[in-house]
Amino acid sequence: MARDVVTVAPEDTLGEAAQRMSEQNIGSAVVLEHGRLIGIFTERDVLNAVGGRPHPSEARVREWMTRDPITADEGTSAGEAARVMLEHGFRHLPVVEGERTVGIVSLRDVMRWSMLVAPGAEQVGSDFP
């Protein structure tokens, strides 16, 4: 889990959010309003927005973000996080404690974990269902 979570506000423009994500070389940002998680803005949302052709300096994150994302807490196991992400087609899962966002789990984190707990899993075809 990454604890350095990039945040954006719902009123930020698409351009501002995309620039912040690009500068940090990450694929998602949590959307906070008054410190409370209200959404997640991902690279997939950027693509959907670009396909809709809004002007990046005028369209707002609020219009394109994923609202009320499913979250995990710090007690969620890596295996459970992986299951949730696969089941719902997510690549990013915010981690919250109470009202506070404390981290984010990425598909890359899950892949790293799976290689540590399943020796030999790095061989394509081994244990693939």
Protein backbone atom coordinates (compact mmCIF):
# COMPACT_ATOMS: atom_id res chain seq x y z
CA MET A 1 0.00 0.00 0.00
CA ALA A 2 1.23 3.46 -0.86
CA ARG A 3 0.77 5.93 1.98
CA ASP A 4 1.65 9.00 -0.10
CA VAL A 5 -1.79 9.47 -1.57
CA VAL A 6 -2.25 12.14 -4.22
CA THR A 7 -5.44 14.08 -3.62
CA VAL A 8 -7.55 16.30 -5.81
CA ALA A 9 -10.64 18.36 -5.13
CA PRO A 10 -13.90 17.84 -6.99
CA GLU A 11 -13.68 21.38 -8.37
CA ASP A 12 -10.17 20.85 -9.79
CA THR A 13 -10.04 20.78 -13.58
CA LEU A 14 -9.23 17.64 -15.50
CA GLY A 15 -5.98 19.26 -16.57
CA GLU A 16 -4.94 20.06 -13.00
CA ALA A 17 -5.70 16.54 -11.80
CA ALA A 18 -3.99 14.86 -14.76
CA GLN A 19 -0.93 17.08 -14.31
CA ARG A 20 -0.68 16.22 -10.59
CA MET A 21 -0.98 12.50 -11.36
CA SER A 22 1.60 12.76 -14.15
CA GLU A 23 4.08 14.65 -11.95
CA GLN A 24 3.83 11.91 -9.32
CA ASN A 25 3.88 9.14 -11.96
CA ILE A 26 0.75 7.52 -10.53
CA GLY A 27 -2.48 6.24 -12.03
CA SER A 28 -5.00 7.55 -9.52
CA ALA A 29 -5.84 10.31 -7.09
CA VAL A 30 -8.40 10.28 -4.32
CA VAL A 31 -11.03 13.01 -4.44
CA LEU A 32 -11.52 14.70 -1.09
CA GLU A 33 -14.19 17.20 -0.09
CA HIS A 34 -13.68 18.78 3.34
CA GLY A 35 -11.18 15.99 4.08
CA ARG A 36 -13.69 13.21 3.33
CA LEU A 37 -13.26 10.71 0.50
CA ILE A 38 -16.01 11.23 -2.07
CA GLY A 39 -14.43 9.64 -5.14
CA ILE A 40 -11.41 8.39 -6.99
CA PHE A 41 -10.05 9.84 -10.22
CA THR A 42 -8.03 7.40 -12.30
CA GLU A 43 -6.21 7.22 -15.59
CA ARG A 44 -9.26 5.40 -16.92
CA ASP A 45 -11.41 8.42 -15.97
CA VAL A 46 -8.96 10.65 -17.84
CA LEU A 47 -9.38 8.48 -20.95
CA ASN A 48 -13.17 8.54 -20.67
CA ALA A 49 -13.08 12.31 -20.32
CA VAL A 50 -10.77 12.77 -23.31
CA GLY A 51 -13.10 10.57 -25.35
CA GLY A 52 -15.97 12.86 -24.33
CA ARG A 53 -13.93 15.84 -25.63
CA PRO A 54 -14.39 18.33 -22.80
CA HIS A 55 -11.83 21.10 -22.55
CA PRO A 56 -9.32 20.04 -19.84
CA SER A 57 -9.19 23.55 -18.39
CA GLU A 58 -12.98 23.75 -18.02
CA ALA A 59 -14.27 20.25 -17.17
CA ARG A 60 -14.14 19.36 -13.47
CA VAL A 61 -13.04 16.21 -11.69
CA ARG A 62 -16.52 15.96 -10.13
CA GLU A 63 -17.99 15.25 -13.59
CA TRP A 64 -15.64 12.35 -14.42
CA MET A 65 -14.56 10.76 -11.13
CA THR A 66 -15.83 7.45 -9.79
CA ARG A 67 -18.12 8.40 -6.92
CA ASP A 68 -18.22 6.64 -3.55
CA PRO A 69 -15.53 4.09 -4.35
CA ILE A 70 -15.34 0.75 -2.59
CA THR A 71 -12.61 0.97 0.02
CA ALA A 72 -10.48 -1.24 2.24
CA ASP A 73 -9.21 -0.65 5.75
CA GLU A 74 -5.75 -1.30 7.15
CA GLY A 75 -6.90 -4.70 8.41
CA THR A 76 -7.83 -5.88 4.91
CA SER A 77 -5.48 -8.62 3.76
CA ALA A 78 -3.63 -8.31 0.46
CA GLY A 79 -5.51 -11.37 -0.78
CA GLU A 80 -8.88 -9.80 0.01
CA ALA A 81 -7.82 -6.52 -1.65
CA ALA A 82 -6.82 -8.52 -4.75
CA ARG A 83 -10.17 -10.33 -4.77
CA VAL A 84 -12.12 -7.06 -4.53
CA MET A 85 -10.06 -5.44 -7.27
CA LEU A 86 -10.44 -8.42 -9.62
CA GLU A 87 -14.14 -8.86 -8.88
CA HIS A 88 -14.92 -5.22 -9.66
CA GLY A 89 -12.31 -4.52 -12.34
CA PHE A 90 -10.43 -1.92 -10.29
CA ARG A 91 -6.75 -1.12 -10.51
CA HIS A 92 -6.76 1.08 -7.39
CA LEU A 93 -8.39 0.59 -3.99
CA PRO A 94 -8.40 3.43 -1.42
CA VAL A 95 -7.60 2.47 2.17
CA VAL A 96 -9.48 4.39 4.84
CA GLU A 97 -9.58 4.47 8.61
CA GLY A 98 -12.73 6.16 9.81
CA GLU A 99 -13.14 9.30 7.72
CA ARG A 100 -9.43 9.53 6.84
CA THR A 101 -7.81 8.16 3.69
CA VAL A 102 -4.54 6.56 4.77
CA GLY A 103 -3.33 4.91 1.58
CA ILE A 104 -4.12 3.28 -1.71
CA VAL A 105 -3.50 -0.24 -2.97
CA SER A 106 -2.66 -0.57 -6.64
CA LEU A 107 -2.74 -3.57 -8.91
CA ARG A 108 1.06 -3.32 -8.94
CA ASP A 109 1.10 -3.70 -5.13
CA VAL A 110 -1.06 -6.81 -5.42
CA MET A 111 1.19 -8.27 -8.13
CA ARG A 112 4.26 -7.66 -5.97
CA TRP A 113 2.54 -9.35 -3.01
CA SER A 114 1.48 -12.35 -5.11
CA MET A 115 5.05 -12.93 -6.25
CA LEU A 116 6.23 -12.98 -2.63
CA VAL A 117 3.58 -15.42 -1.36
CA ALA A 118 3.51 -17.70 -4.39
CA PRO A 119 7.08 -18.61 -5.35
CA GLY A 120 7.23 -19.50 -9.03
CA ALA A 121 4.15 -17.41 -9.80
CA GLU A 122 6.31 -15.23 -12.00
CA GLN A 123 6.34 -18.07 -14.57
CA VAL A 124 3.61 -17.40 -17.07
CA GLY A 125 1.19 -20.32 -17.14
CA SER A 126 2.01 -21.65 -13.69
CA ASP A 127 -1.10 -21.69 -11.53
CA PHE A 128 -3.09 -19.61 -14.00
CA PRO A 129 -6.75 -20.61 -13.81
